Amino acid sequence: MTGRISRNRSLGSLKEAASWPGADQNTVVTLATALVAACADAEGSSYFQDLSDRNPGDATALALAGFFQVRAGHDVAAAITKLDRAATMDLGLPQYFRGLALAELLPGGGPSEAGLAAADTGRADQVIADLEFVLAVRDQFPVGLLRAAYQGLARAYEALGRQDEAAEAVRRSGLGPAAADRPPMFTNFSVTARDGLRMSAPSALSPAPDVHVARCYDFGDFAFIKTSAGTVAIDAGTSPDRVLAAMADLGLPGNAPISHLILTHAHFDHIGGTAALRRQGTQVIASAGFPAEAERQRHWNIPFRNFTGTGANPAMDVEPDRLISEQTSLVIGGTEFVLIPATGGETPGALMVYLPASGLLFTGDVMMPYLGAPFTAEGSPEGLLDTLRFIRELAPRQLIQGHTTLTENFTIEALAGLEPALTELHEFTLARIGENMTLPHILDHGYLPALLQDHPAAVVPYLVCRDHFIARLYHQRTGYWQPDGQGLDPRSPEESAAALDLLAGGKADAFVTAAATLAGQGDLALALEILTPGLLRHPDSGELAELRQEVLVRLMEQHQLSDPFRFLVYAELAAAEISPVG
């Protein structure tokens, strides 16, 4: 087998950042999940053992050294000793990773007629103790770890013959009957034909008195602020029924008086449920750029059916009553709302909402890391940087974003490092464009500003943004003919497939061999680029179809924490559904 062809840029940067003194826990956990998704267990074992040796008091590093050592199958007894020692040093992540590691060692299926060996029974009991503890204090754990906890519990209960509890853990994992046999899945993302893409299970956030944020009732989040003059809604989700469901859970009757509806921008996932909120006398407010943005949206079809799900029928004909072109203070029922037009990273016509009394800033999608939808060409890196500078100077207490994962990762604490890091990335990228460097080569630099060492909370948000930021800047500054010849003579997929089939000698086996080799060494995206034309030429090949499915699932796992859009696309191509956790 040859070495890997493409560079795993995110993994390399995470390894560097996680080794910095004072690295953020989110960075370390994200690295661990990325290593699992890359099937890089031996690499993870070596990395975290070295990190633990350099930081002997770091219980998480020691637990991860043991976790990956178990997964790699290297001296399992010594690995369990590390896990046990880490669990005595600290509560939290050491128990989580010990539980997952011991679950890997349990036999598949229920107990044999002779019963489990004492060692296996002890391990299963320890898995249950560790992972039930995690679930009991779930709010103290990093985002995205709970699905794998249910997987581990399902395996432990099944090993002990406790089938009802195993079935309940499988159900809560959202992964279907094979959950216990799959590699750990670290994501809160879900995608189903009925509900579409969700960031997590529905929940509520109350960051201040009389402020309630409905999270994950839809693809986007929306909020309600109670005032003496009625309720003010910020955004309206994708469909009326989801808005009404959230209102019911929040104790707001479906006919509650909504004095104002403030829309942060004109995307379907923020205006589609307007009919559930707009009543006689409700004033709908948006930015001056809203009508132009709404007109662009009317001429765009959502390219993936599972984006919104069959349960949504977004309204796209919303007409605001008032448009805001400059910063405006509005007092409603004794509560001040400061309306702030912004260009932002996603759209040119955003509107942020600031509540000075509570220090909350509702940002909509101005920090969406994809710099566009990413299915349409909107927003700009410069707009994102301008807005980040404005927010830093405004200094709100807390940011409430238009999507749960943004609120959890793109915090006001992260902003202090994110803005200068992206500014440095902007300068770096423009310099490389000026040298006629191609986009893949710019991306392969894996640019990681040293200043992030002083801003550990900004590392993961920066890495989520980095490649999208570079690509958007590149496409805005270059033409559709590229220096390497890309774009000069576009060909259809069928034409490219026919040419590759000549190289393969007209044999499906050649496509299978090449794609399997690429997938085996971690070049998943390249493997898919071989499998897709292979199936165009050999549609009856079961081997190609089976390998394509395997590659798509692994690509879902690779992007399961950092990129919901890629997760959605690969899930839809695989015809895979994943239900919400718990």
Protein backbone atom coordinates (compact mmCIF):
# COMPACT_ATOMS: atom_id res chain seq x y z
CA MET A 1 0.00 0.00 0.00
CA THR A 2 1.25 3.46 -0.85
CA GLY A 3 1.25 6.34 1.61
CA ARG A 4 -1.68 8.70 1.88
CA ILE A 5 -1.94 11.05 -1.10
CA SER A 6 -4.05 13.90 0.27
CA ARG A 7 -3.16 15.77 3.43
CA ASN A 8 -5.53 15.73 6.39
CA ARG A 9 -5.10 19.45 7.09
CA SER A 10 -7.49 19.63 10.01
CA LEU A 11 -5.90 16.67 11.79
CA GLY A 12 -2.40 18.11 11.40
CA SER A 13 -3.45 21.49 12.76
CA LEU A 14 -5.36 19.96 15.66
CA LYS A 15 -2.30 17.91 16.64
CA GLU A 16 -0.15 21.03 16.66
CA ALA A 17 -2.67 23.13 18.60
CA ALA A 18 -3.45 20.41 21.16
CA SER A 19 0.25 20.25 22.05
CA TRP A 20 0.43 23.96 22.94
CA PRO A 21 0.62 24.81 26.65
CA GLY A 22 -2.85 25.57 27.99
CA ALA A 23 -4.63 23.99 25.02
CA ASP A 24 -8.41 24.25 25.15
CA GLN A 25 -10.26 21.06 26.15
CA ASN A 26 -12.45 21.44 23.07
CA THR A 27 -9.33 21.28 20.88
CA VAL A 28 -8.09 18.09 22.56
CA VAL A 29 -11.47 16.35 22.35
CA THR A 30 -11.96 17.41 18.73
CA LEU A 31 -8.54 15.96 17.90
CA ALA A 32 -9.43 12.68 19.61
CA THR A 33 -12.68 12.33 17.66
CA ALA A 34 -10.89 13.21 14.41
CA LEU A 35 -8.32 10.49 15.04
CA VAL A 36 -11.08 7.94 15.63
CA ALA A 37 -12.82 8.98 12.41
CA ALA A 38 -9.52 8.66 10.53
CA CYS A 39 -8.99 5.13 11.93
CA ALA A 40 -5.65 6.44 13.23
CA ASP A 41 -5.59 4.56 16.52
CA ALA A 42 -1.86 3.81 16.59
CA GLU A 43 -1.16 7.45 15.77
CA GLY A 44 -3.50 8.57 18.54
CA SER A 45 -1.88 6.21 21.05
CA SER A 46 1.60 7.54 20.27
CA TYR A 47 0.48 11.20 20.22
CA PHE A 48 -1.37 11.17 23.54
CA GLN A 49 1.27 9.05 25.27
CA ASP A 50 3.83 11.67 24.33
CA LEU A 51 1.47 14.46 25.45
CA SER A 52 0.88 12.64 28.76
CA ASP A 53 4.61 12.14 29.31
CA ARG A 54 5.15 15.89 28.87
CA ASN A 55 2.17 16.74 31.09
CA PRO A 56 2.00 14.01 33.77
CA GLY A 57 -0.76 15.80 35.68
CA ASP A 58 -3.09 15.90 32.65
CA ALA A 59 -5.71 13.23 33.32
CA THR A 60 -7.41 13.68 29.93
CA ALA A 61 -4.15 13.12 28.02
CA LEU A 62 -3.46 9.97 30.04
CA ALA A 63 -7.01 8.69 29.51
CA LEU A 64 -6.72 9.28 25.76
CA ALA A 65 -3.36 7.48 25.68
CA GLY A 66 -5.08 4.47 27.23
CA PHE A 67 -8.18 4.82 25.04
CA PHE A 68 -6.23 4.76 21.78
CA GLN A 69 -3.90 2.04 23.06
CA VAL A 70 -6.94 -0.18 23.63
CA ARG A 71 -8.31 0.63 20.18
CA ALA A 72 -4.92 -0.14 18.61
CA GLY A 73 -4.70 -3.43 20.52
CA HIS A 74 -1.26 -2.70 22.00
CA ASP A 75 -0.74 -4.16 25.52
CA VAL A 76 -4.36 -3.83 26.56
CA ALA A 77 -3.63 -4.57 30.24
CA ALA A 78 -1.22 -1.62 30.43
CA ALA A 79 -3.76 0.57 28.63
CA ILE A 80 -6.46 -0.27 31.18
CA THR A 81 -4.04 0.62 33.97
CA LYS A 82 -3.60 4.06 32.38
CA LEU A 83 -7.35 4.49 32.10
CA ASP A 84 -7.88 3.53 35.74
CA ARG A 85 -5.13 5.89 36.89
CA ALA A 86 -6.58 8.76 34.86
CA ALA A 87 -10.01 8.12 36.39
CA THR A 88 -8.56 8.56 39.89
CA MET A 89 -6.94 11.86 38.89
CA ASP A 90 -10.06 13.65 37.64
CA LEU A 91 -13.79 13.23 37.08
CA GLY A 92 -15.31 13.69 33.64
CA LEU A 93 -13.50 12.91 30.43
CA PRO A 94 -11.37 10.10 31.97
CA GLN A 95 -14.57 8.20 32.85
CA TYR A 96 -15.99 8.84 29.40
CA PHE A 97 -12.98 7.53 27.51
CA ARG A 98 -12.52 4.61 29.91
CA GLY A 99 -16.15 3.63 29.34
CA LEU A 100 -15.76 3.76 25.56
CA ALA A 101 -12.45 1.87 25.64
CA LEU A 102 -13.76 -0.94 27.83
CA ALA A 103 -16.87 -1.21 25.64
CA GLU A 104 -14.56 -1.96 22.70
CA LEU A 105 -13.24 -4.99 24.61
CA LEU A 106 -16.63 -6.57 25.27
CA PRO A 107 -17.73 -9.55 23.19
CA GLY A 108 -20.36 -8.80 20.57
CA GLY A 109 -23.90 -10.02 21.09
CA GLY A 110 -25.48 -11.32 24.28
CA PRO A 111 -23.79 -13.58 26.80
CA SER A 112 -23.06 -17.17 25.95
CA GLU A 113 -24.94 -20.02 27.61
CA ALA A 114 -22.02 -20.45 30.01
CA GLY A 115 -22.20 -16.79 30.90
CA LEU A 116 -19.62 -14.05 30.55
CA ALA A 117 -16.16 -14.43 31.98
CA ALA A 118 -15.70 -12.57 35.25
CA ALA A 119 -13.35 -10.10 33.53
CA ASP A 120 -15.94 -9.34 30.88
CA THR A 121 -18.69 -8.92 33.47
CA GLY A 122 -16.50 -6.51 35.43
CA ARG A 123 -15.72 -4.55 32.30
CA ALA A 124 -19.38 -4.32 31.32
CA ASP A 125 -20.28 -3.11 34.82
CA GLN A 126 -17.51 -0.50 34.66
CA VAL A 127 -18.71 0.68 31.23
CA ILE A 128 -22.22 1.17 32.62
CA ALA A 129 -20.95 2.97 35.73
CA ASP A 130 -18.73 5.31 33.69
CA LEU A 131 -21.17 6.14 30.93
CA GLU A 132 -24.23 6.46 33.15
CA PHE A 133 -22.18 8.94 35.20
CA VAL A 134 -21.44 10.87 31.99
CA LEU A 135 -25.12 11.02 31.13
CA ALA A 136 -25.99 12.14 34.66
CA VAL A 137 -23.75 15.20 34.28
CA ARG A 138 -24.13 15.57 30.52
CA ASP A 139 -24.28 19.37 30.61
CA GLN A 140 -20.65 19.46 31.76
CA PHE A 141 -19.34 17.57 28.74
CA PRO A 142 -18.19 18.93 25.37
CA VAL A 143 -20.75 19.05 22.59
CA GLY A 144 -21.19 15.90 20.58
CA LEU A 145 -20.02 13.16 22.95
CA LEU A 146 -23.32 11.66 24.07
CA ARG A 147 -24.18 9.56 21.02
CA ALA A 148 -21.08 7.42 21.52
CA ALA A 149 -21.93 7.07 25.23
CA TYR A 150 -25.23 5.43 24.30
CA GLN A 151 -23.39 3.18 21.84
CA GLY A 152 -21.06 2.00 24.60
CA LEU A 153 -23.95 1.45 26.99
CA ALA A 154 -25.82 -0.57 24.39
CA ARG A 155 -22.83 -2.87 23.99
CA ALA A 156 -22.40 -3.30 27.76
CA TYR A 157 -26.07 -4.02 28.42
CA GLU A 158 -26.17 -6.44 25.50
CA ALA A 159 -23.09 -8.26 26.80
CA LEU A 160 -24.82 -8.69 30.17
CA GLY A 161 -28.00 -9.96 28.55
CA ARG A 162 -30.00 -6.90 29.66
CA GLN A 163 -31.76 -6.68 26.33
CA ASP A 164 -34.45 -4.11 27.20
CA GLU A 165 -31.85 -1.66 28.48
CA ALA A 166 -29.64 -2.37 25.46
CA ALA A 167 -32.55 -1.64 23.12
CA GLU A 168 -33.29 1.63 24.93
CA ALA A 169 -29.62 2.71 24.66
CA VAL A 170 -29.68 1.88 20.94
CA ARG A 171 -32.83 3.95 20.51
CA ARG A 172 -31.29 6.89 22.32
CA SER A 173 -28.14 6.65 20.19
CA GLY A 174 -30.25 7.39 17.11
CA LEU A 175 -28.08 5.07 15.01
CA GLY A 176 -30.44 2.15 14.45
CA PRO A 177 -30.10 -1.55 15.32
CA ALA A 178 -26.38 -1.79 14.47
CA ALA A 179 -25.38 1.04 16.82
CA ALA A 180 -23.38 -1.13 19.22
CA ASP A 181 -21.31 -2.60 16.40
CA ARG A 182 -20.41 0.70 14.71
CA PRO A 183 -17.31 2.76 15.49
CA PRO A 184 -18.03 5.51 18.06
CA MET A 185 -20.09 8.29 16.51
CA PHE A 186 -19.31 11.71 17.98
CA THR A 187 -21.93 14.08 16.71
CA ASN A 188 -25.15 15.75 17.73
CA PHE A 189 -26.06 16.27 14.06
CA SER A 190 -29.07 14.34 12.83
CA VAL A 191 -30.58 14.02 9.37
CA THR A 192 -33.88 12.36 8.52
CA ALA A 193 -36.21 12.56 5.56
CA ARG A 194 -39.02 13.90 7.76
CA ASP A 195 -37.21 16.46 9.92
CA GLY A 196 -34.22 17.31 7.72
CA LEU A 197 -30.89 18.41 9.17
CA ARG A 198 -30.77 19.28 12.87
CA MET A 199 -27.80 20.36 14.98
CA SER A 200 -29.02 18.42 18.04
CA ALA A 201 -32.16 17.32 19.87
CA PRO A 202 -34.64 20.15 20.64
CA SER A 203 -33.87 22.13 23.78
CA ALA A 204 -34.29 25.58 25.29
CA LEU A 205 -31.75 28.16 26.41
CA SER A 206 -32.62 31.03 28.76
CA PRO A 207 -29.57 33.31 28.85
CA ALA A 208 -31.44 36.09 30.67
CA PRO A 209 -34.80 36.61 32.39
CA ASP A 210 -37.66 36.69 29.87
CA VAL A 211 -35.31 35.58 27.03
CA HIS A 212 -35.90 32.09 25.62
CA VAL A 213 -34.06 30.54 22.70
CA ALA A 214 -35.62 27.55 20.92
CA ARG A 215 -32.70 25.39 19.85
CA CYS A 216 -32.82 22.64 17.22
CA TYR A 217 -36.57 22.53 16.80
CA ASP A 218 -35.52 23.28 13.26
CA PHE A 219 -32.30 23.62 11.30
CA GLY A 220 -31.96 27.15 12.66
CA ASP A 221 -32.64 28.54 16.14
CA PHE A 222 -35.09 31.32 17.01
CA ALA A 223 -35.85 33.31 20.13
CA PHE A 224 -38.62 34.98 22.12
CA ILE A 225 -38.20 38.00 24.41
CA LYS A 226 -41.10 38.79 26.70
CA THR A 227 -41.88 42.47 27.28
CA SER A 228 -44.78 44.32 28.89
CA ALA A 229 -46.03 45.14 25.39
CA GLY A 230 -46.03 41.53 24.17
CA THR A 231 -43.47 39.05 22.92
CA VAL A 232 -40.72 39.96 20.46
CA ALA A 233 -39.61 37.09 18.23
CA ILE A 234 -36.19 36.95 16.60
CA ASP A 235 -36.31 34.79 13.45
CA ALA A 236 -38.97 32.27 12.48
CA GLY A 237 -37.34 28.96 11.61
CA THR A 238 -38.20 26.96 8.51
CA SER A 239 -41.85 26.07 8.99
CA PRO A 240 -44.80 27.22 11.13
CA ASP A 241 -45.42 23.84 12.80
CA ARG A 242 -41.88 23.74 14.23
CA VAL A 243 -42.24 27.28 15.57
CA LEU A 244 -45.55 26.35 17.22
CA ALA A 245 -44.00 23.21 18.76
CA ALA A 246 -41.23 25.30 20.30
CA MET A 247 -43.69 27.88 21.60
CA ALA A 248 -45.75 25.16 23.28
CA ASP A 249 -42.68 23.74 25.02
CA LEU A 250 -41.64 27.22 26.13
CA GLY A 251 -45.05 27.92 27.63
CA LEU A 252 -46.10 30.38 24.94
CA PRO A 253 -49.63 29.77 23.62
CA GLY A 254 -49.91 29.50 19.85
CA ASN A 255 -52.01 32.68 19.83
CA ALA A 256 -49.65 34.62 22.12
CA PRO A 257 -49.41 38.29 21.07
CA ILE A 258 -46.24 38.83 19.03
CA SER A 259 -45.68 42.58 18.91
CA HIS A 260 -42.58 42.40 16.69
CA LEU A 261 -40.81 39.82 14.56
CA ILE A 262 -37.20 40.75 13.84
CA LEU A 263 -35.60 38.80 10.99
CA THR A 264 -31.81 38.56 10.96
CA HIS A 265 -31.66 37.75 7.23
CA ALA A 266 -33.73 36.34 4.36
CA HIS A 267 -32.65 32.69 4.28
CA PHE A 268 -35.45 30.12 4.32
CA ASP A 269 -34.37 28.64 7.67
CA HIS A 270 -34.92 32.00 9.39
CA ILE A 271 -38.12 33.25 7.70
CA GLY A 272 -39.99 30.08 6.65
CA GLY A 273 -42.20 29.92 9.76
CA THR A 274 -43.25 33.58 9.71
CA ALA A 275 -46.94 32.65 9.33
CA ALA A 276 -46.92 31.16 12.85
CA LEU A 277 -45.81 34.49 14.34
CA ARG A 278 -47.24 37.23 12.21
CA ARG A 279 -50.59 38.41 13.53
CA GLN A 280 -52.77 41.45 13.19
CA GLY A 281 -50.56 44.28 14.45
CA THR A 282 -47.26 42.35 14.41
CA GLN A 283 -44.51 44.54 12.98
CA VAL A 284 -41.97 42.60 10.92
CA ILE A 285 -38.53 44.24 10.86
CA ALA A 286 -35.50 43.39 8.70
CA SER A 287 -32.41 45.06 7.26
CA ALA A 288 -32.50 47.28 4.20
CA GLY A 289 -30.71 44.50 2.31
CA PHE A 290 -33.49 42.00 3.02
CA PRO A 291 -35.61 42.49 -0.14
CA ALA A 292 -32.67 41.96 -2.52
CA GLU A 293 -31.57 38.89 -0.59
CA ALA A 294 -35.13 37.51 -0.55
CA GLU A 295 -35.36 37.98 -4.32
CA ARG A 296 -32.16 35.96 -4.81
CA GLN A 297 -33.59 33.23 -2.58
CA ARG A 298 -36.79 33.01 -4.64
CA HIS A 299 -34.74 31.95 -7.65
CA TRP A 300 -32.83 29.25 -5.79
CA ASN A 301 -33.94 25.71 -5.10
CA ILE A 302 -32.59 23.77 -2.13
CA PRO A 303 -30.34 21.15 -3.75
CA PHE A 304 -30.84 18.41 -1.14
CA ARG A 305 -34.24 17.02 -0.19
CA ASN A 306 -33.15 16.15 3.35
CA PHE A 307 -32.02 19.70 4.09
CA THR A 308 -35.42 20.83 5.37
CA GLY A 309 -37.20 17.47 5.44
CA THR A 310 -40.66 16.60 4.17
CA GLY A 311 -42.23 18.23 7.24
CA ALA A 312 -41.29 21.74 6.10
CA ASN A 313 -42.67 24.02 3.44
CA PRO A 314 -40.70 27.25 3.86
CA ALA A 315 -42.47 30.50 3.03
CA MET A 316 -40.32 32.69 0.81
CA ASP A 317 -42.71 35.62 0.24
CA VAL A 318 -42.15 37.50 3.50
CA GLU A 319 -42.46 41.28 3.18
CA PRO A 320 -41.15 43.28 6.16
CA ASP A 321 -43.09 46.27 7.46
CA ARG A 322 -39.93 48.18 8.32
CA LEU A 323 -36.42 48.12 6.90
CA ILE A 324 -33.38 49.21 8.91
CA SER A 325 -30.48 50.89 7.12
CA GLU A 326 -28.55 52.24 10.11
CA GLN A 327 -28.08 51.40 13.77
CA THR A 328 -31.43 52.01 15.43
CA SER A 329 -32.63 51.87 19.04
CA LEU A 330 -36.13 50.53 19.54
CA VAL A 331 -37.82 50.40 22.99
CA ILE A 332 -40.61 47.81 23.24
CA GLY A 333 -42.48 47.39 26.51
CA GLY A 334 -39.60 48.85 28.49
CA THR A 335 -36.95 46.68 26.81
CA GLU A 336 -34.38 48.31 24.52
CA PHE A 337 -33.49 46.56 21.27
CA VAL A 338 -30.57 47.95 19.28
CA LEU A 339 -30.88 46.95 15.61
CA ILE A 340 -27.53 46.78 13.83
CA PRO A 341 -27.27 46.25 10.04
CA ALA A 342 -24.22 44.18 9.08
CA THR A 343 -22.63 42.70 5.98
CA GLY A 344 -21.35 39.58 7.73
CA GLY A 345 -19.84 36.43 6.33
CA GLU A 346 -22.96 34.71 5.04
CA THR A 347 -25.17 37.41 3.51
CA PRO A 348 -24.73 41.05 2.48
CA GLY A 349 -27.91 42.14 4.28
CA ALA A 350 -27.85 40.89 7.86
CA LEU A 351 -29.39 42.47 10.96
CA MET A 352 -28.03 41.90 14.46
CA VAL A 353 -30.09 42.56 17.58
CA TYR A 354 -28.47 43.79 20.80
CA LEU A 355 -30.15 43.88 24.21
CA PRO A 356 -28.03 46.32 26.27
CA ALA A 357 -29.71 45.50 29.58
CA SER A 358 -28.72 41.83 29.43
CA GLY A 359 -25.63 42.14 27.22
CA LEU A 360 -27.00 39.64 24.68
CA LEU A 361 -26.23 40.01 20.99
CA PHE A 362 -28.33 38.01 18.53
CA THR A 363 -26.05 37.65 15.52
CA GLY A 364 -28.11 35.51 13.14
CA ASP A 365 -25.64 33.90 10.73
CA VAL A 366 -23.05 36.67 10.39
CA MET A 367 -20.41 34.20 11.67
CA MET A 368 -21.48 31.22 9.56
CA PRO A 369 -18.07 29.74 8.74
CA TYR A 370 -18.96 28.69 5.20
CA LEU A 371 -18.90 32.26 3.85
CA GLY A 372 -22.09 31.75 1.92
CA ALA A 373 -24.74 29.06 2.34
CA PRO A 374 -22.39 27.21 1.03
CA PHE A 375 -24.62 26.32 -1.91
CA THR A 376 -24.87 29.92 -3.11
CA ALA A 377 -22.29 32.66 -3.54
CA GLU A 378 -23.07 35.17 -0.82
CA GLY A 379 -21.29 37.06 1.91
CA SER A 380 -17.56 37.73 1.98
CA PRO A 381 -14.46 37.27 4.13
CA GLU A 382 -14.21 41.06 4.38
CA GLY A 383 -17.81 41.30 5.61
CA LEU A 384 -17.07 38.68 8.25
CA LEU A 385 -13.96 40.52 9.44
CA ASP A 386 -15.76 43.87 9.59
CA THR A 387 -18.54 42.35 11.69
CA LEU A 388 -16.11 40.55 14.00
CA ARG A 389 -14.32 43.85 14.65
CA PHE A 390 -17.63 45.58 15.38
CA ILE A 391 -18.70 42.86 17.83
CA ARG A 392 -15.32 42.94 19.59
CA GLU A 393 -15.67 46.69 20.12
CA LEU A 394 -19.30 46.37 21.22
CA ALA A 395 -18.18 43.76 23.80
CA PRO A 396 -21.52 42.01 24.50
CA ARG A 397 -21.73 39.57 27.40
CA GLN A 398 -22.91 36.64 25.26
CA LEU A 399 -23.50 35.84 21.61
CA ILE A 400 -26.68 34.04 20.53
CA GLN A 401 -26.17 32.75 17.01
CA GLY A 402 -28.65 31.47 14.47
CA HIS A 403 -27.57 27.84 14.95
CA THR A 404 -26.78 25.89 18.12
CA THR A 405 -23.28 24.78 17.14
CA LEU A 406 -22.32 28.38 16.35
CA THR A 407 -23.57 29.57 19.74
CA GLU A 408 -21.58 26.83 21.48
CA ASN A 409 -18.31 27.34 19.59
CA PHE A 410 -18.23 30.92 18.29
CA THR A 411 -18.38 32.54 21.71
CA ILE A 412 -17.46 36.05 22.78
CA GLU A 413 -14.40 34.52 24.50
CA ALA A 414 -13.29 32.93 21.21
CA LEU A 415 -13.74 36.19 19.30
CA ALA A 416 -10.65 37.82 20.85
CA GLY A 417 -8.42 35.35 19.01
CA LEU A 418 -10.61 34.50 16.04
CA GLU A 419 -10.72 38.01 14.58
CA PRO A 420 -6.92 38.60 14.47
CA ALA A 421 -6.31 35.00 13.33
CA LEU A 422 -8.70 35.36 10.38
CA THR A 423 -7.23 38.79 9.60
CA GLU A 424 -3.79 37.15 9.37
CA LEU A 425 -5.25 34.35 7.23
CA HIS A 426 -6.78 36.97 4.91
CA GLU A 427 -3.38 38.57 4.34
CA PHE A 428 -1.70 35.19 3.86
CA THR A 429 -4.27 34.06 1.30
CA LEU A 430 -4.14 37.27 -0.73
CA ALA A 431 -0.35 36.97 -0.89
CA ARG A 432 -0.60 33.39 -2.20
CA ILE A 433 -3.24 34.41 -4.76
CA GLY A 434 -0.83 37.14 -5.89
CA GLU A 435 1.76 34.41 -6.53
CA ASN A 436 -0.75 32.55 -8.78
CA MET A 437 -0.82 29.64 -6.35
CA THR A 438 -3.72 27.25 -6.94
CA LEU A 439 -6.44 26.80 -4.35
CA PRO A 440 -5.44 23.22 -3.36
CA HIS A 441 -1.86 24.35 -2.75
CA ILE A 442 -2.98 27.31 -0.62
CA LEU A 443 -5.19 25.01 1.43
CA ASP A 444 -2.38 22.50 1.85
CA HIS A 445 -0.34 25.05 3.79
CA GLY A 446 -2.68 24.33 6.69
CA TYR A 447 -2.05 27.90 7.89
CA LEU A 448 -2.21 28.13 11.70
CA PRO A 449 -1.40 31.58 13.15
CA ALA A 450 0.95 31.42 16.13
CA LEU A 451 -1.19 34.03 17.94
CA LEU A 452 -3.78 31.31 18.57
CA GLN A 453 -1.49 29.91 21.26
CA ASP A 454 -2.61 32.83 23.41
CA HIS A 455 -6.30 32.28 22.52
CA PRO A 456 -7.03 28.56 22.97
CA ALA A 457 -10.81 29.02 22.80
CA ALA A 458 -10.43 30.34 19.23
CA VAL A 459 -8.60 27.31 17.81
CA VAL A 460 -11.59 25.12 16.90
CA PRO A 461 -13.69 28.02 15.50
CA TYR A 462 -10.68 29.09 13.41
CA LEU A 463 -10.16 25.59 12.02
CA VAL A 464 -13.86 25.26 11.21
CA CYS A 465 -13.61 28.53 9.23
CA ARG A 466 -10.17 28.20 7.66
CA ASP A 467 -10.68 26.25 4.45
CA HIS A 468 -14.04 27.87 3.68
CA PHE A 469 -12.57 31.32 4.29
CA ILE A 470 -9.65 30.63 1.93
CA ALA A 471 -11.84 29.10 -0.78
CA ARG A 472 -14.35 31.98 -0.72
CA LEU A 473 -11.59 34.57 -0.88
CA TYR A 474 -9.91 32.67 -3.71
CA HIS A 475 -13.08 32.40 -5.79
CA GLN A 476 -13.86 36.08 -5.28
CA ARG A 477 -10.39 37.12 -6.44
CA THR A 478 -9.77 34.74 -9.35
CA GLY A 479 -11.52 33.92 -12.60
CA TYR A 480 -13.16 30.74 -13.77
CA TRP A 481 -9.99 29.83 -15.73
CA GLN A 482 -7.35 28.75 -13.25
CA PRO A 483 -3.53 28.80 -13.63
CA ASP A 484 -3.42 24.97 -13.63
CA GLY A 485 -5.93 24.74 -16.50
CA GLN A 486 -9.01 24.04 -14.40
CA GLY A 487 -12.15 25.47 -16.01
CA LEU A 488 -10.74 25.85 -19.50
CA ASP A 489 -12.74 23.00 -20.99
CA PRO A 490 -15.39 21.64 -18.60
CA ARG A 491 -16.49 18.04 -19.15
CA SER A 492 -19.59 16.19 -18.00
CA PRO A 493 -19.27 13.42 -15.40
CA GLU A 494 -20.16 10.90 -18.09
CA GLU A 495 -17.32 12.08 -20.34
CA SER A 496 -14.79 11.96 -17.51
CA ALA A 497 -16.03 8.49 -16.53
CA ALA A 498 -15.60 7.23 -20.09
CA ALA A 499 -12.01 8.50 -20.17
CA LEU A 500 -11.19 6.85 -16.83
CA ASP A 501 -12.78 3.63 -18.06
CA LEU A 502 -10.27 3.57 -20.91
CA LEU A 503 -7.47 3.78 -18.35
CA ALA A 504 -9.14 0.98 -16.38
CA GLY A 505 -9.30 -1.23 -19.46
CA GLY A 506 -13.08 -1.26 -19.28
CA LYS A 507 -13.01 -3.32 -16.10
CA ALA A 508 -14.91 -2.56 -12.90
CA ASP A 509 -12.24 -4.43 -10.92
CA ALA A 510 -9.71 -1.70 -11.71
CA PHE A 511 -11.99 0.94 -10.18
CA VAL A 512 -12.57 -1.29 -7.13
CA THR A 513 -8.84 -1.85 -6.58
CA ALA A 514 -7.96 1.83 -6.89
CA ALA A 515 -10.82 3.02 -4.68
CA ALA A 516 -10.21 0.36 -2.02
CA THR A 517 -6.52 1.30 -1.88
CA LEU A 518 -7.36 4.99 -1.52
CA ALA A 519 -9.98 4.33 1.18
CA GLY A 520 -7.60 2.04 3.05
CA GLN A 521 -4.97 4.75 3.32
CA GLY A 522 -7.49 7.44 4.34
CA ASP A 523 -7.93 9.20 0.98
CA LEU A 524 -11.72 9.01 1.24
CA ALA A 525 -12.63 11.96 -0.98
CA LEU A 526 -10.29 10.68 -3.71
CA ALA A 527 -11.79 7.21 -3.36
CA LEU A 528 -15.26 8.69 -3.95
CA GLU A 529 -13.93 10.44 -7.06
CA ILE A 530 -12.98 7.01 -8.42
CA LEU A 531 -16.16 5.24 -7.32
CA THR A 532 -18.59 7.77 -8.81
CA PRO A 533 -17.34 7.48 -12.41
CA GLY A 534 -16.78 3.75 -11.88
CA LEU A 535 -20.47 3.29 -11.13
CA LEU A 536 -21.44 5.48 -14.07
CA ARG A 537 -19.62 3.02 -16.34
CA HIS A 538 -20.40 -0.16 -14.39
CA PRO A 539 -23.77 0.44 -12.68
CA ASP A 540 -24.32 -3.27 -11.97
CA SER A 541 -21.13 -3.68 -9.95
CA GLY A 542 -22.10 -4.71 -6.40
CA GLU A 543 -18.51 -4.28 -5.24
CA LEU A 544 -18.40 -0.66 -6.39
CA ALA A 545 -21.79 0.11 -4.81
CA GLU A 546 -20.84 -1.50 -1.49
CA LEU A 547 -17.47 0.27 -1.36
CA ARG A 548 -19.11 3.60 -2.21
CA GLN A 549 -21.53 3.16 0.70
CA GLU A 550 -18.66 2.40 3.07
CA VAL A 551 -16.70 5.44 1.89
CA LEU A 552 -19.71 7.75 2.23
CA VAL A 553 -20.35 6.62 5.81
CA ARG A 554 -16.70 7.20 6.68
CA LEU A 555 -16.88 10.67 5.11
CA MET A 556 -19.91 11.39 7.31
CA GLU A 557 -17.85 10.33 10.32
CA GLN A 558 -14.91 12.48 9.19
CA HIS A 559 -17.08 15.62 9.15
CA GLN A 560 -19.39 14.68 12.03
CA LEU A 561 -18.35 17.51 14.36
CA SER A 562 -17.07 20.32 12.17
CA ASP A 563 -19.23 20.50 9.06
CA PRO A 564 -23.01 19.87 9.11
CA PHE A 565 -23.34 20.67 5.40
CA ARG A 566 -20.81 18.05 4.33
CA PHE A 567 -22.40 15.66 6.82
CA LEU A 568 -25.77 16.28 5.15
CA VAL A 569 -24.48 15.83 1.61
CA TYR A 570 -22.66 12.57 2.34
CA ALA A 571 -25.64 11.27 4.34
CA GLU A 572 -27.99 11.99 1.46
CA LEU A 573 -25.66 10.39 -1.08
CA ALA A 574 -25.53 7.33 1.19
CA ALA A 575 -29.31 7.40 1.72
CA ALA A 576 -28.50 7.31 5.45
CA GLU A 577 -30.69 8.61 8.25
CA ILE A 578 -29.48 9.40 11.77
CA SER A 579 -31.99 10.34 14.43
CA PRO A 580 -31.34 12.89 17.19
CA VAL A 581 -29.47 11.74 20.30
CA GLY A 582 -31.50 10.77 23.36
